[in-house]
Every structure is written in C-alpha cells, then in structure tokens.
mmCIF file of all heavy atoms, coordinates in Angstrom:
data_MODEL
# 
_entry.id   MODEL 
# 
loop_
_atom_site.group_PDB 
_atom_site.id 
_atom_site.type_symbol 
_atom_site.label_atom_id 
_atom_site.label_alt_id 
_atom_site.label_comp_id 
_atom_site.label_asym_id 
_atom_site.label_entity_id 
_atom_site.label_seq_id 
_atom_site.pdbx_PDB_ins_code 
_atom_site.Cartn_x 
_atom_site.Cartn_y 
_atom_site.Cartn_z 
_atom_site.occupancy 
_atom_site.B_iso_or_equiv 
_atom_site.pdbx_formal_charge 
_atom_site.auth_seq_id 
_atom_site.auth_comp_id 
_atom_site.auth_asym_id 
_atom_site.auth_atom_id 
_atom_site.pdbx_PDB_model_num 
ATOM 1   N N   . VAL A 1 1  ? 52.979 89.293  54.795 1.00 0.00 ? 1  VAL A N   1 
ATOM 2   C CA  . VAL A 1 1  ? 53.997 90.195  55.412 1.00 0.00 ? 1  VAL A CA  1 
ATOM 3   C C   . VAL A 1 1  ? 55.348 90.030  54.599 1.00 0.00 ? 1  VAL A C   1 
ATOM 4   O O   . VAL A 1 1  ? 55.795 88.867  54.481 1.00 0.00 ? 1  VAL A O   1 
ATOM 5   C CB  . VAL A 1 1  ? 54.223 89.917  56.862 1.00 0.00 ? 1  VAL A CB  1 
ATOM 6   C CG1 . VAL A 1 1  ? 55.315 90.911  57.463 1.00 0.00 ? 1  VAL A CG1 1 
ATOM 7   C CG2 . VAL A 1 1  ? 52.929 90.072  57.583 1.00 0.00 ? 1  VAL A CG2 1 
ATOM 8   N N   . ALA A 1 2  ? 55.886 91.088  54.085 1.00 0.00 ? 2  ALA A N   1 
ATOM 9   C CA  . ALA A 1 2  ? 57.259 91.056  53.517 1.00 0.00 ? 2  ALA A CA  1 
ATOM 10  C C   . ALA A 1 2  ? 58.334 90.471  54.489 1.00 0.00 ? 2  ALA A C   1 
ATOM 11  O O   . ALA A 1 2  ? 58.219 90.719  55.692 1.00 0.00 ? 2  ALA A O   1 
ATOM 12  C CB  . ALA A 1 2  ? 57.725 92.530  53.087 1.00 0.00 ? 2  ALA A CB  1 
ATOM 13  N N   . ALA A 1 3  ? 59.150 89.649  53.951 1.00 0.00 ? 3  ALA A N   1 
ATOM 14  C CA  . ALA A 1 3  ? 60.124 88.939  54.803 1.00 0.00 ? 3  ALA A CA  1 
ATOM 15  C C   . ALA A 1 3  ? 60.910 89.823  55.818 1.00 0.00 ? 3  ALA A C   1 
ATOM 16  O O   . ALA A 1 3  ? 61.242 89.423  57.010 1.00 0.00 ? 3  ALA A O   1 
ATOM 17  C CB  . ALA A 1 3  ? 61.010 88.020  54.020 1.00 0.00 ? 3  ALA A CB  1 
ATOM 18  N N   . ASN A 1 4  ? 61.292 90.945  55.401 1.00 0.00 ? 4  ASN A N   1 
ATOM 19  C CA  . ASN A 1 4  ? 62.123 91.813  56.218 1.00 0.00 ? 4  ASN A CA  1 
ATOM 20  C C   . ASN A 1 4  ? 61.449 92.286  57.500 1.00 0.00 ? 4  ASN A C   1 
ATOM 21  O O   . ASN A 1 4  ? 62.079 92.633  58.488 1.00 0.00 ? 4  ASN A O   1 
ATOM 22  C CB  . ASN A 1 4  ? 62.613 93.081  55.482 1.00 0.00 ? 4  ASN A CB  1 
ATOM 23  C CG  . ASN A 1 4  ? 61.563 94.079  55.271 1.00 0.00 ? 4  ASN A CG  1 
ATOM 24  O OD1 . ASN A 1 4  ? 61.340 94.959  56.147 1.00 0.00 ? 4  ASN A OD1 1 
ATOM 25  N ND2 . ASN A 1 4  ? 60.735 93.826  54.226 1.00 0.00 ? 4  ASN A ND2 1 
ATOM 26  N N   . PHE A 1 5  ? 60.082 92.186  57.522 1.00 0.00 ? 5  PHE A N   1 
ATOM 27  C CA  . PHE A 1 5  ? 59.274 92.776  58.538 1.00 0.00 ? 5  PHE A CA  1 
ATOM 28  C C   . PHE A 1 5  ? 58.888 91.721  59.503 1.00 0.00 ? 5  PHE A C   1 
ATOM 29  O O   . PHE A 1 5  ? 57.979 91.810  60.401 1.00 0.00 ? 5  PHE A O   1 
ATOM 30  C CB  . PHE A 1 5  ? 58.063 93.567  57.949 1.00 0.00 ? 5  PHE A CB  1 
ATOM 31  C CG  . PHE A 1 5  ? 57.476 94.460  58.908 1.00 0.00 ? 5  PHE A CG  1 
ATOM 32  C CD1 . PHE A 1 5  ? 58.158 95.602  59.356 1.00 0.00 ? 5  PHE A CD1 1 
ATOM 33  C CD2 . PHE A 1 5  ? 56.100 94.336  59.420 1.00 0.00 ? 5  PHE A CD2 1 
ATOM 34  C CE1 . PHE A 1 5  ? 57.499 96.509  60.237 1.00 0.00 ? 5  PHE A CE1 1 
ATOM 35  C CE2 . PHE A 1 5  ? 55.568 95.264  60.248 1.00 0.00 ? 5  PHE A CE2 1 
ATOM 36  C CZ  . PHE A 1 5  ? 56.245 96.349  60.660 1.00 0.00 ? 5  PHE A CZ  1 
ATOM 37  N N   . ARG A 1 6  ? 59.453 90.467  59.369 1.00 0.00 ? 6  ARG A N   1 
ATOM 38  C CA  . ARG A 1 6  ? 58.889 89.263  60.035 1.00 0.00 ? 6  ARG A CA  1 
ATOM 39  C C   . ARG A 1 6  ? 58.914 89.510  61.674 1.00 0.00 ? 6  ARG A C   1 
ATOM 40  O O   . ARG A 1 6  ? 57.838 89.271  62.242 1.00 0.00 ? 6  ARG A O   1 
ATOM 41  C CB  . ARG A 1 6  ? 59.832 88.069  59.795 1.00 0.00 ? 6  ARG A CB  1 
ATOM 42  C CG  . ARG A 1 6  ? 59.537 86.825  60.568 1.00 0.00 ? 6  ARG A CG  1 
ATOM 43  C CD  . ARG A 1 6  ? 60.590 85.667  60.316 1.00 0.00 ? 6  ARG A CD  1 
ATOM 44  N NE  . ARG A 1 6  ? 60.515 85.245  59.047 1.00 0.00 ? 6  ARG A NE  1 
ATOM 45  C CZ  . ARG A 1 6  ? 59.950 84.184  58.498 1.00 0.00 ? 6  ARG A CZ  1 
ATOM 46  N NH1 . ARG A 1 6  ? 59.172 83.515  59.340 1.00 0.00 ? 6  ARG A NH1 1 
ATOM 47  N NH2 . ARG A 1 6  ? 59.964 83.835  57.185 1.00 0.00 ? 6  ARG A NH2 1 
ATOM 48  N N   . ASP A 1 7  ? 60.085 89.861  62.200 1.00 0.00 ? 7  ASP A N   1 
ATOM 49  C CA  . ASP A 1 7  ? 60.198 89.925  63.630 1.00 0.00 ? 7  ASP A CA  1 
ATOM 50  C C   . ASP A 1 7  ? 59.284 91.032  64.169 1.00 0.00 ? 7  ASP A C   1 
ATOM 51  O O   . ASP A 1 7  ? 58.583 90.846  65.129 1.00 0.00 ? 7  ASP A O   1 
ATOM 52  C CB  . ASP A 1 7  ? 61.573 90.222  64.108 1.00 0.00 ? 7  ASP A CB  1 
ATOM 53  C CG  . ASP A 1 7  ? 62.462 88.920  63.785 1.00 0.00 ? 7  ASP A CG  1 
ATOM 54  O OD1 . ASP A 1 7  ? 61.913 87.878  63.632 1.00 0.00 ? 7  ASP A OD1 1 
ATOM 55  O OD2 . ASP A 1 7  ? 63.671 89.097  63.696 1.00 0.00 ? 7  ASP A OD2 1 
ATOM 56  N N   . ALA A 1 8  ? 59.280 92.167  63.518 1.00 0.00 ? 8  ALA A N   1 
ATOM 57  C CA  . ALA A 1 8  ? 58.425 93.246  63.944 1.00 0.00 ? 8  ALA A CA  1 
ATOM 58  C C   . ALA A 1 8  ? 56.955 92.881  63.799 1.00 0.00 ? 8  ALA A C   1 
ATOM 59  O O   . ALA A 1 8  ? 56.129 93.292  64.732 1.00 0.00 ? 8  ALA A O   1 
ATOM 60  C CB  . ALA A 1 8  ? 58.807 94.537  63.046 1.00 0.00 ? 8  ALA A CB  1 
ATOM 61  N N   . ALA A 1 9  ? 56.627 92.265  62.724 1.00 0.00 ? 9  ALA A N   1 
ATOM 62  C CA  . ALA A 1 9  ? 55.161 91.871  62.569 1.00 0.00 ? 9  ALA A CA  1 
ATOM 63  C C   . ALA A 1 9  ? 54.697 90.938  63.647 1.00 0.00 ? 9  ALA A C   1 
ATOM 64  O O   . ALA A 1 9  ? 53.509 91.036  64.117 1.00 0.00 ? 9  ALA A O   1 
ATOM 65  C CB  . ALA A 1 9  ? 54.988 91.247  61.152 1.00 0.00 ? 9  ALA A CB  1 
ATOM 66  N N   . LYS A 1 10 ? 55.557 90.010  63.978 1.00 0.00 ? 10 LYS A N   1 
ATOM 67  C CA  . LYS A 1 10 ? 55.104 89.022  64.982 1.00 0.00 ? 10 LYS A CA  1 
ATOM 68  C C   . LYS A 1 10 ? 54.893 89.666  66.371 1.00 0.00 ? 10 LYS A C   1 
ATOM 69  O O   . LYS A 1 10 ? 53.911 89.495  67.099 1.00 0.00 ? 10 LYS A O   1 
ATOM 70  C CB  . LYS A 1 10 ? 56.266 87.867  65.249 1.00 0.00 ? 10 LYS A CB  1 
ATOM 71  C CG  . LYS A 1 10 ? 56.291 86.941  64.094 1.00 0.00 ? 10 LYS A CG  1 
ATOM 72  C CD  . LYS A 1 10 ? 57.430 85.978  64.383 1.00 0.00 ? 10 LYS A CD  1 
ATOM 73  C CE  . LYS A 1 10 ? 57.491 84.885  63.344 1.00 0.00 ? 10 LYS A CE  1 
ATOM 74  N NZ  . LYS A 1 10 ? 58.541 83.878  63.582 1.00 0.00 ? 10 LYS A NZ  1 
ATOM 75  N N   . GLU A 1 11 ? 55.748 90.757  66.689 1.00 0.00 ? 11 GLU A N   1 
ATOM 76  C CA  . GLU A 1 11 ? 55.541 91.501  67.924 1.00 0.00 ? 11 GLU A CA  1 
ATOM 77  C C   . GLU A 1 11 ? 54.294 92.327  67.856 1.00 0.00 ? 11 GLU A C   1 
ATOM 78  O O   . GLU A 1 11 ? 53.651 92.434  68.834 1.00 0.00 ? 11 GLU A O   1 
ATOM 79  C CB  . GLU A 1 11 ? 56.850 92.392  68.238 1.00 0.00 ? 11 GLU A CB  1 
ATOM 80  C CG  . GLU A 1 11 ? 56.987 92.873  69.642 1.00 0.00 ? 11 GLU A CG  1 
ATOM 81  C CD  . GLU A 1 11 ? 58.380 93.475  69.868 1.00 0.00 ? 11 GLU A CD  1 
ATOM 82  O OE1 . GLU A 1 11 ? 59.413 92.896  69.271 1.00 0.00 ? 11 GLU A OE1 1 
ATOM 83  O OE2 . GLU A 1 11 ? 58.364 94.365  70.765 1.00 0.00 ? 11 GLU A OE2 1 
ATOM 84  N N   . ILE A 1 12 ? 54.155 92.916  66.627 1.00 0.00 ? 12 ILE A N   1 
ATOM 85  C CA  . ILE A 1 12 ? 52.876 93.860  66.483 1.00 0.00 ? 12 ILE A CA  1 
ATOM 86  C C   . ILE A 1 12 ? 51.599 92.904  66.671 1.00 0.00 ? 12 ILE A C   1 
ATOM 87  O O   . ILE A 1 12 ? 50.706 93.264  67.356 1.00 0.00 ? 12 ILE A O   1 
ATOM 88  C CB  . ILE A 1 12 ? 52.997 94.524  65.184 1.00 0.00 ? 12 ILE A CB  1 
ATOM 89  C CG1 . ILE A 1 12 ? 53.991 95.561  65.258 1.00 0.00 ? 12 ILE A CG1 1 
ATOM 90  C CG2 . ILE A 1 12 ? 51.599 95.106  64.777 1.00 0.00 ? 12 ILE A CG2 1 
ATOM 91  C CD1 . ILE A 1 12 ? 54.296 96.175  63.801 1.00 0.00 ? 12 ILE A CD1 1 
ATOM 92  N N   . ALA A 1 13 ? 51.715 91.764  66.043 1.00 0.00 ? 13 ALA A N   1 
ATOM 93  C CA  . ALA A 1 13 ? 50.504 90.836  66.162 1.00 0.00 ? 13 ALA A CA  1 
ATOM 94  C C   . ALA A 1 13 ? 50.213 90.495  67.646 1.00 0.00 ? 13 ALA A C   1 
ATOM 95  O O   . ALA A 1 13 ? 49.024 90.371  67.992 1.00 0.00 ? 13 ALA A O   1 
ATOM 96  C CB  . ALA A 1 13 ? 50.721 89.594  65.404 1.00 0.00 ? 13 ALA A CB  1 
ATOM 97  N N   . THR A 1 14 ? 51.252 90.246  68.404 1.00 0.00 ? 14 THR A N   1 
ATOM 98  C CA  . THR A 1 14 ? 50.971 89.942  69.852 1.00 0.00 ? 14 THR A CA  1 
ATOM 99  C C   . THR A 1 14 ? 50.449 91.040  70.569 1.00 0.00 ? 14 THR A C   1 
ATOM 100 O O   . THR A 1 14 ? 49.436 90.947  71.324 1.00 0.00 ? 14 THR A O   1 
ATOM 101 C CB  . THR A 1 14 ? 52.385 89.478  70.499 1.00 0.00 ? 14 THR A CB  1 
ATOM 102 O OG1 . THR A 1 14 ? 52.904 88.383  69.837 1.00 0.00 ? 14 THR A OG1 1 
ATOM 103 C CG2 . THR A 1 14 ? 52.158 89.191  71.952 1.00 0.00 ? 14 THR A CG2 1 
ATOM 104 N N   . ALA A 1 15 ? 50.958 92.287  70.421 1.00 0.00 ? 15 ALA A N   1 
ATOM 105 C CA  . ALA A 1 15 ? 50.430 93.520  70.998 1.00 0.00 ? 15 ALA A CA  1 
ATOM 106 C C   . ALA A 1 15 ? 49.003 93.790  70.562 1.00 0.00 ? 15 ALA A C   1 
ATOM 107 O O   . ALA A 1 15 ? 48.090 94.208  71.325 1.00 0.00 ? 15 ALA A O   1 
ATOM 108 C CB  . ALA A 1 15 ? 51.330 94.684  70.631 1.00 0.00 ? 15 ALA A CB  1 
ATOM 109 N N   . PHE A 1 16 ? 48.727 93.519  69.252 1.00 0.00 ? 16 PHE A N   1 
ATOM 110 C CA  . PHE A 1 16 ? 47.384 93.710  68.704 1.00 0.00 ? 16 PHE A CA  1 
ATOM 111 C C   . PHE A 1 16 ? 46.431 92.871  69.382 1.00 0.00 ? 16 PHE A C   1 
ATOM 112 O O   . PHE A 1 16 ? 45.262 93.274  69.688 1.00 0.00 ? 16 PHE A O   1 
ATOM 113 C CB  . PHE A 1 16 ? 47.449 93.363  67.226 1.00 0.00 ? 16 PHE A CB  1 
ATOM 114 C CG  . PHE A 1 16 ? 46.166 93.431  66.519 1.00 0.00 ? 16 PHE A CG  1 
ATOM 115 C CD1 . PHE A 1 16 ? 45.406 94.613  66.354 1.00 0.00 ? 16 PHE A CD1 1 
ATOM 116 C CD2 . PHE A 1 16 ? 45.631 92.228  65.821 1.00 0.00 ? 16 PHE A CD2 1 
ATOM 117 C CE1 . PHE A 1 16 ? 44.151 94.590  65.681 1.00 0.00 ? 16 PHE A CE1 1 
ATOM 118 C CE2 . PHE A 1 16 ? 44.448 92.278  65.212 1.00 0.00 ? 16 PHE A CE2 1 
ATOM 119 C CZ  . PHE A 1 16 ? 43.746 93.419  65.129 1.00 0.00 ? 16 PHE A CZ  1 
ATOM 120 N N   . GLU A 1 17 ? 46.709 91.627  69.554 1.00 0.00 ? 17 GLU A N   1 
ATOM 121 C CA  . GLU A 1 17 ? 45.853 90.615  70.214 1.00 0.00 ? 17 GLU A CA  1 
ATOM 122 C C   . GLU A 1 17 ? 45.508 91.012  71.700 1.00 0.00 ? 17 GLU A C   1 
ATOM 123 O O   . GLU A 1 17 ? 44.411 90.911  72.112 1.00 0.00 ? 17 GLU A O   1 
ATOM 124 C CB  . GLU A 1 17 ? 46.288 89.238  70.015 1.00 0.00 ? 17 GLU A CB  1 
ATOM 125 C CG  . GLU A 1 17 ? 45.338 88.139  70.565 1.00 0.00 ? 17 GLU A CG  1 
ATOM 126 C CD  . GLU A 1 17 ? 45.690 86.810  70.175 1.00 0.00 ? 17 GLU A CD  1 
ATOM 127 O OE1 . GLU A 1 17 ? 46.779 86.576  69.553 1.00 0.00 ? 17 GLU A OE1 1 
ATOM 128 O OE2 . GLU A 1 17 ? 44.881 85.895  70.508 1.00 0.00 ? 17 GLU A OE2 1 
ATOM 129 N N   . GLN A 1 18 ? 46.612 91.376  72.404 1.00 0.00 ? 18 GLN A N   1 
ATOM 130 C CA  . GLN A 1 18 ? 46.444 91.814  73.770 1.00 0.00 ? 18 GLN A CA  1 
ATOM 131 C C   . GLN A 1 18 ? 45.542 92.995  73.881 1.00 0.00 ? 18 GLN A C   1 
ATOM 132 O O   . GLN A 1 18 ? 44.863 93.012  74.913 1.00 0.00 ? 18 GLN A O   1 
ATOM 133 C CB  . GLN A 1 18 ? 47.846 92.102  74.299 1.00 0.00 ? 18 GLN A CB  1 
ATOM 134 C CG  . GLN A 1 18 ? 48.709 90.829  74.451 1.00 0.00 ? 18 GLN A CG  1 
ATOM 135 C CD  . GLN A 1 18 ? 50.170 91.174  74.913 1.00 0.00 ? 18 GLN A CD  1 
ATOM 136 O OE1 . GLN A 1 18 ? 50.598 92.259  74.910 1.00 0.00 ? 18 GLN A OE1 1 
ATOM 137 N NE2 . GLN A 1 18 ? 50.953 90.157  75.364 1.00 0.00 ? 18 GLN A NE2 1 
ATOM 138 N N   . LYS A 1 19 ? 45.635 93.916  72.893 1.00 0.00 ? 19 LYS A N   1 
ATOM 139 C CA  . LYS A 1 19 ? 44.816 95.111  73.004 1.00 0.00 ? 19 LYS A CA  1 
ATOM 140 C C   . LYS A 1 19 ? 43.450 94.915  72.554 1.00 0.00 ? 19 LYS A C   1 
ATOM 141 O O   . LYS A 1 19 ? 42.466 95.458  73.243 1.00 0.00 ? 19 LYS A O   1 
ATOM 142 C CB  . LYS A 1 19 ? 45.554 96.293  72.245 1.00 0.00 ? 19 LYS A CB  1 
ATOM 143 C CG  . LYS A 1 19 ? 44.755 97.571  72.486 1.00 0.00 ? 19 LYS A CG  1 
ATOM 144 C CD  . LYS A 1 19 ? 45.451 98.746  71.889 1.00 0.00 ? 19 LYS A CD  1 
ATOM 145 C CE  . LYS A 1 19 ? 44.696 100.109 72.124 1.00 0.00 ? 19 LYS A CE  1 
ATOM 146 N NZ  . LYS A 1 19 ? 45.447 101.218 71.645 1.00 0.00 ? 19 LYS A NZ  1 
ATOM 147 N N   . THR A 1 20 ? 43.171 94.185  71.474 1.00 0.00 ? 20 THR A N   1 
ATOM 148 C CA  . THR A 1 20 ? 41.873 94.160  70.873 1.00 0.00 ? 20 THR A CA  1 
ATOM 149 C C   . THR A 1 20 ? 41.225 92.903  71.077 1.00 0.00 ? 20 THR A C   1 
ATOM 150 O O   . THR A 1 20 ? 40.012 92.739  70.803 1.00 0.00 ? 20 THR A O   1 
ATOM 151 C CB  . THR A 1 20 ? 41.992 94.512  69.288 1.00 0.00 ? 20 THR A CB  1 
ATOM 152 O OG1 . THR A 1 20 ? 42.723 93.391  68.700 1.00 0.00 ? 20 THR A OG1 1 
ATOM 153 C CG2 . THR A 1 20 ? 42.752 95.848  69.138 1.00 0.00 ? 20 THR A CG2 1 
ATOM 154 N N   . GLY A 1 21 ? 41.868 91.762  71.320 1.00 0.00 ? 21 GLY A N   1 
ATOM 155 C CA  . GLY A 1 21 ? 41.282 90.400  71.261 1.00 0.00 ? 21 GLY A CA  1 
ATOM 156 C C   . GLY A 1 21 ? 41.349 89.774  69.929 1.00 0.00 ? 21 GLY A C   1 
ATOM 157 O O   . GLY A 1 21 ? 41.183 88.605  69.779 1.00 0.00 ? 21 GLY A O   1 
ATOM 158 N N   . HIS A 1 22 ? 41.659 90.555  68.826 1.00 0.00 ? 22 HIS A N   1 
ATOM 159 C CA  . HIS A 1 22 ? 41.691 89.951  67.494 1.00 0.00 ? 22 HIS A CA  1 
ATOM 160 C C   . HIS A 1 22 ? 42.969 89.220  67.192 1.00 0.00 ? 22 HIS A C   1 
ATOM 161 O O   . HIS A 1 22 ? 44.112 89.668  67.879 1.00 0.00 ? 22 HIS A O   1 
ATOM 162 C CB  . HIS A 1 22 ? 41.652 91.100  66.410 1.00 0.00 ? 22 HIS A CB  1 
ATOM 163 C CG  . HIS A 1 22 ? 40.247 91.795  66.482 1.00 0.00 ? 22 HIS A CG  1 
ATOM 164 N ND1 . HIS A 1 22 ? 39.079 91.284  66.408 1.00 0.00 ? 22 HIS A ND1 1 
ATOM 165 C CD2 . HIS A 1 22 ? 40.004 93.134  66.453 1.00 0.00 ? 22 HIS A CD2 1 
ATOM 166 C CE1 . HIS A 1 22 ? 38.112 92.154  66.428 1.00 0.00 ? 22 HIS A CE1 1 
ATOM 167 N NE2 . HIS A 1 22 ? 38.666 93.277  66.438 1.00 0.00 ? 22 HIS A NE2 1 
ATOM 168 N N   . GLU A 1 23 ? 42.911 88.329  66.396 1.00 0.00 ? 23 GLU A N   1 
ATOM 169 C CA  . GLU A 1 23 ? 44.154 87.459  66.052 1.00 0.00 ? 23 GLU A CA  1 
ATOM 170 C C   . GLU A 1 23 ? 44.619 87.850  64.699 1.00 0.00 ? 23 GLU A C   1 
ATOM 171 O O   . GLU A 1 23 ? 43.748 87.907  63.781 1.00 0.00 ? 23 GLU A O   1 
ATOM 172 C CB  . GLU A 1 23 ? 43.840 86.038  66.149 1.00 0.00 ? 23 GLU A CB  1 
ATOM 173 C CG  . GLU A 1 23 ? 45.119 85.161  65.838 1.00 0.00 ? 23 GLU A CG  1 
ATOM 174 C CD  . GLU A 1 23 ? 44.677 83.691  65.683 1.00 0.00 ? 23 GLU A CD  1 
ATOM 175 O OE1 . GLU A 1 23 ? 43.600 83.312  65.745 1.00 0.00 ? 23 GLU A OE1 1 
ATOM 176 O OE2 . GLU A 1 23 ? 45.708 82.896  65.689 1.00 0.00 ? 23 GLU A OE2 1 
ATOM 177 N N   . ALA A 1 24 ? 45.868 88.202  64.516 1.00 0.00 ? 24 ALA A N   1 
ATOM 178 C CA  . ALA A 1 24 ? 46.501 88.323  63.223 1.00 0.00 ? 24 ALA A CA  1 
ATOM 179 C C   . ALA A 1 24 ? 47.395 87.288  62.840 1.00 0.00 ? 24 ALA A C   1 
ATOM 180 O O   . ALA A 1 24 ? 48.433 87.048  63.469 1.00 0.00 ? 24 ALA A O   1 
ATOM 181 C CB  . ALA A 1 24 ? 47.226 89.711  63.189 1.00 0.00 ? 24 ALA A CB  1 
ATOM 182 N N   . VAL A 1 25 ? 47.118 86.465  61.796 1.00 0.00 ? 25 VAL A N   1 
ATOM 183 C CA  . VAL A 1 25 ? 47.843 85.261  61.393 1.00 0.00 ? 25 VAL A CA  1 
ATOM 184 C C   . VAL A 1 25 ? 48.757 85.775  60.142 1.00 0.00 ? 25 VAL A C   1 
ATOM 185 O O   . VAL A 1 25 ? 48.226 86.364  59.319 1.00 0.00 ? 25 VAL A O   1 
ATOM 186 C CB  . VAL A 1 25 ? 46.940 84.184  61.004 1.00 0.00 ? 25 VAL A CB  1 
ATOM 187 C CG1 . VAL A 1 25 ? 47.781 83.076  60.431 1.00 0.00 ? 25 VAL A CG1 1 
ATOM 188 C CG2 . VAL A 1 25 ? 46.033 83.769  62.102 1.00 0.00 ? 25 VAL A CG2 1 
ATOM 189 N N   . MET A 1 26 ? 50.024 85.593  60.392 1.00 0.00 ? 26 MET A N   1 
ATOM 190 C CA  . MET A 1 26 ? 50.997 86.142  59.396 1.00 0.00 ? 26 MET A CA  1 
ATOM 191 C C   . MET A 1 26 ? 51.486 85.081  58.395 1.00 0.00 ? 26 MET A C   1 
ATOM 192 O O   . MET A 1 26 ? 51.834 83.949  58.769 1.00 0.00 ? 26 MET A O   1 
ATOM 193 C CB  . MET A 1 26 ? 52.235 86.668  60.140 1.00 0.00 ? 26 MET A CB  1 
ATOM 194 C CG  . MET A 1 26 ? 51.916 87.699  61.213 1.00 0.00 ? 26 MET A CG  1 
ATOM 195 S SD  . MET A 1 26 ? 51.388 89.208  60.541 1.00 0.00 ? 26 MET A SD  1 
ATOM 196 C CE  . MET A 1 26 ? 51.019 90.183  61.993 1.00 0.00 ? 26 MET A CE  1 
ATOM 197 N N   . GLY A 1 27 ? 51.668 85.434  57.210 1.00 0.00 ? 27 GLY A N   1 
ATOM 198 C CA  . GLY A 1 27 ? 52.373 84.670  56.238 1.00 0.00 ? 27 GLY A CA  1 
ATOM 199 C C   . GLY A 1 27 ? 53.489 85.477  55.629 1.00 0.00 ? 27 GLY A C   1 
ATOM 200 O O   . GLY A 1 27 ? 53.351 86.607  55.258 1.00 0.00 ? 27 GLY A O   1 
# 
C-alpha cells in the first residue's frame, strides 16, 4: 500500500474482514 493511503487502507481492511472473514495484511 502506498504510504498516503495508510489510514484509509487500515480502515478498509477492518471492514473487509468484518464482511468477508478474510484478513488483509498491509505493508
């Protein structure tokens, strides 16, 4: 993930896991 998108990506990852059960690990 590009650095500018850090906060949005973290929030999206949380919503993604809550909806699908899948985990998105960010770098």
